[in-house]
């Protein structure tokens, strides 16, 4: 997995997740776009933003076009749904061995965030899940671990 991100025209941030060797990748089919819970139970890409005072925000982006957003007051505590300024736009380009997920969010969603964590849950045929991140904070994957929020927000 590789991720590129940065500001683009129009006051948006773009996150592009590239998954190589995806012949057995399970991609949830297109559904009604919008908020949905439990997206992390199959293939989805994630963005975590470290905010002030140990708080953080989690975004989940599914290839189905569905998304989720949550605020946390601390490590896995005080979870509440977060309503973004506008719904994330998710574009999917699935190839034979490479799939690309491009997400667009308003730049204002990154206000107050100094560091981020980028990650993905990948499901392969047969139900095998793997967990990818720029950094894992311990022996087991835990995208909520503050040690994972190590990328400076552009």
Protein backbone atom coordinates (compact mmCIF):
# COMPACT_ATOMS: atom_id res chain seq x y z
CA UNK A 1 0.00 0.00 0.00
CA UNK A 2 1.18 3.52 -0.77
CA UNK A 3 -0.52 6.80 0.13
CA UNK A 4 -0.09 10.28 -1.31
CA UNK A 5 -1.83 13.29 0.12
CA UNK A 6 -1.84 17.03 -0.10
CA UNK A 7 -3.78 20.15 -0.94
CA UNK A 8 -5.44 20.47 -4.34
CA UNK A 9 -7.27 23.33 -6.06
CA UNK A 10 -10.59 24.43 -4.66
CA UNK A 11 -9.73 24.25 -0.96
CA UNK A 12 -9.65 20.46 -0.79
CA UNK A 13 -7.27 17.85 0.53
CA UNK A 14 -6.73 14.73 -1.55
CA UNK A 15 -5.73 11.35 -0.15
CA UNK A 16 -4.80 8.68 -2.72
CA UNK A 17 -4.45 5.12 -1.45
CA UNK A 18 -2.80 2.72 -3.94
CA UNK A 19 -3.13 -1.01 -3.32
CA UNK A 20 -0.81 -3.23 -5.38
CA UNK A 21 -1.19 -6.98 -5.92
CA UNK A 22 -4.95 -6.84 -5.57
CA UNK A 23 -6.06 -9.88 -7.56
CA UNK A 24 -7.84 -11.34 -4.51
CA UNK A 25 -8.99 -8.03 -3.01
CA UNK A 26 -12.58 -7.87 -1.79
CA UNK A 27 -14.18 -4.54 -2.68
CA UNK A 28 -17.65 -3.86 -1.32
CA UNK A 29 -19.98 -3.14 -4.22
CA UNK A 30 -21.41 0.30 -4.93
CA UNK A 31 -24.14 1.24 -2.49
CA UNK A 32 -25.91 4.43 -1.66
CA UNK A 33 -23.24 6.94 -0.79
CA UNK A 34 -23.33 8.35 2.71
CA UNK A 35 -22.62 7.59 6.34
CA UNK A 36 -22.41 3.94 7.41
CA UNK A 37 -20.98 2.18 10.46
CA UNK A 38 -18.76 -0.90 10.55
CA UNK A 39 -16.86 -0.08 7.36
CA UNK A 40 -13.61 -1.34 8.94
CA UNK A 41 -14.98 -4.92 8.85
CA UNK A 42 -13.96 -5.17 5.18
CA UNK A 43 -11.75 -3.20 2.79
CA UNK A 44 -11.65 0.47 3.77
CA UNK A 45 -9.11 3.27 4.05
CA UNK A 46 -8.79 5.42 7.15
CA UNK A 47 -7.55 8.83 8.23
CA UNK A 48 -6.89 9.75 11.86
CA UNK A 49 -6.27 13.37 12.87
CA UNK A 50 -4.61 14.20 16.20
CA UNK A 51 -6.37 17.21 17.76
CA UNK A 52 -5.75 19.28 20.90
CA UNK A 53 -5.63 17.70 24.35
CA UNK A 54 -5.36 14.07 23.28
CA UNK A 55 -8.57 14.21 21.23
CA UNK A 56 -8.64 12.78 17.72
CA UNK A 57 -10.92 12.31 14.72
CA UNK A 58 -11.33 9.15 12.64
CA UNK A 59 -12.57 8.99 9.05
CA UNK A 60 -13.36 5.69 7.27
CA UNK A 61 -13.67 5.59 3.47
CA UNK A 62 -15.11 2.53 1.71
CA UNK A 63 -14.83 1.71 -1.99
CA UNK A 64 -18.64 1.49 -1.96
CA UNK A 65 -18.73 5.28 -1.61
CA UNK A 66 -19.80 5.05 2.02
CA UNK A 67 -17.93 6.83 4.80
CA UNK A 68 -17.92 7.34 8.56
CA UNK A 69 -16.49 10.01 10.84
CA UNK A 70 -16.07 9.99 14.61
CA UNK A 71 -14.58 12.21 17.30
CA UNK A 72 -12.82 10.72 20.34
CA UNK A 73 -12.05 12.54 23.61
CA UNK A 74 -9.13 10.21 24.30
CA UNK A 75 -7.69 6.83 23.36
CA UNK A 76 -10.79 4.83 22.32
CA UNK A 77 -12.98 6.85 24.74
CA UNK A 78 -15.76 9.35 24.34
CA UNK A 79 -16.65 8.34 20.79
CA UNK A 80 -19.29 10.48 19.06
CA UNK A 81 -20.36 10.77 15.44
CA UNK A 82 -18.70 13.69 13.69
CA UNK A 83 -20.53 15.58 10.96
CA UNK A 84 -18.04 16.80 8.32
CA UNK A 85 -18.43 20.15 6.57
CA UNK A 86 -19.40 18.19 3.46
CA UNK A 87 -19.48 14.50 2.69
CA UNK A 88 -16.18 13.01 1.53
CA UNK A 89 -15.97 12.27 -2.19
CA UNK A 90 -14.54 8.81 -2.90
CA UNK A 91 -13.37 7.74 -6.37
CA UNK A 92 -12.31 4.13 -6.99
CA UNK A 93 -10.26 2.85 -9.90
CA UNK A 94 -9.99 -0.94 -9.78
CA UNK A 95 -7.47 -2.58 -12.06
CA UNK A 96 -6.39 -6.20 -12.43
CA UNK A 97 -3.52 -5.91 -9.96
CA UNK A 98 -3.70 -2.28 -8.73
CA UNK A 99 -6.62 -0.47 -7.13
CA UNK A 100 -6.62 3.21 -6.30
CA UNK A 101 -8.94 4.98 -3.85
CA UNK A 102 -8.94 8.77 -4.08
CA UNK A 103 -10.68 10.72 -1.35
CA UNK A 104 -11.41 14.44 -1.37
CA UNK A 105 -12.18 16.33 1.84
CA UNK A 106 -12.56 20.06 2.49
CA UNK A 107 -9.27 21.51 3.70
CA UNK A 108 -11.16 22.89 6.72
CA UNK A 109 -11.52 19.31 8.06
CA UNK A 110 -7.79 19.45 8.88
CA UNK A 111 -8.02 22.68 10.93
CA UNK A 112 -6.38 22.23 14.33
CA UNK A 113 -4.72 18.95 13.36
CA UNK A 114 -0.94 18.85 13.41
CA UNK A 115 -0.40 15.12 12.90
CA UNK A 116 -2.25 12.33 11.12
CA UNK A 117 -2.32 8.59 10.78
CA UNK A 118 -3.12 6.93 7.44
CA UNK A 119 -4.18 3.31 7.37
CA UNK A 120 -6.22 0.65 5.61
CA UNK A 121 -8.02 -2.57 6.35
CA UNK A 122 -7.69 -4.94 3.41
CA UNK A 123 -9.94 -7.96 2.92
CA UNK A 124 -8.91 -10.71 0.54
CA UNK A 125 -11.13 -13.45 -0.85
CA UNK A 126 -11.68 -16.07 1.83
CA UNK A 127 -12.16 -13.40 4.51
CA UNK A 128 -8.48 -12.80 5.35
CA UNK A 129 -8.02 -9.29 6.80
CA UNK A 130 -4.73 -7.41 6.93
CA UNK A 131 -4.04 -4.07 8.58
CA UNK A 132 -1.76 -1.48 6.96
CA UNK A 133 -0.51 1.78 8.44
CA UNK A 134 2.31 4.26 8.08
CA UNK A 135 3.27 3.14 11.59
CA UNK A 136 1.92 0.60 14.06
CA UNK A 137 2.26 1.62 17.69
CA UNK A 138 2.70 -1.86 19.13
CA UNK A 139 2.91 -5.55 18.33
CA UNK A 140 -0.72 -5.74 17.20
CA UNK A 141 -2.28 -3.31 14.73
CA UNK A 142 -4.15 -0.53 16.54
CA UNK A 143 -4.84 2.49 14.35
CA UNK A 144 -6.13 4.41 17.41
CA UNK A 145 -2.76 4.26 19.14
CA UNK A 146 -1.42 7.85 19.35
CA UNK A 147 1.99 6.56 18.19
CA UNK A 148 0.37 6.03 14.77
CA UNK A 149 -0.38 9.76 14.41
CA UNK A 150 3.08 10.66 13.19
CA UNK A 151 2.62 12.27 9.77
CA UNK A 152 2.74 16.09 9.75
CA UNK A 153 -0.44 17.52 8.24
CA UNK A 154 0.51 19.37 5.03
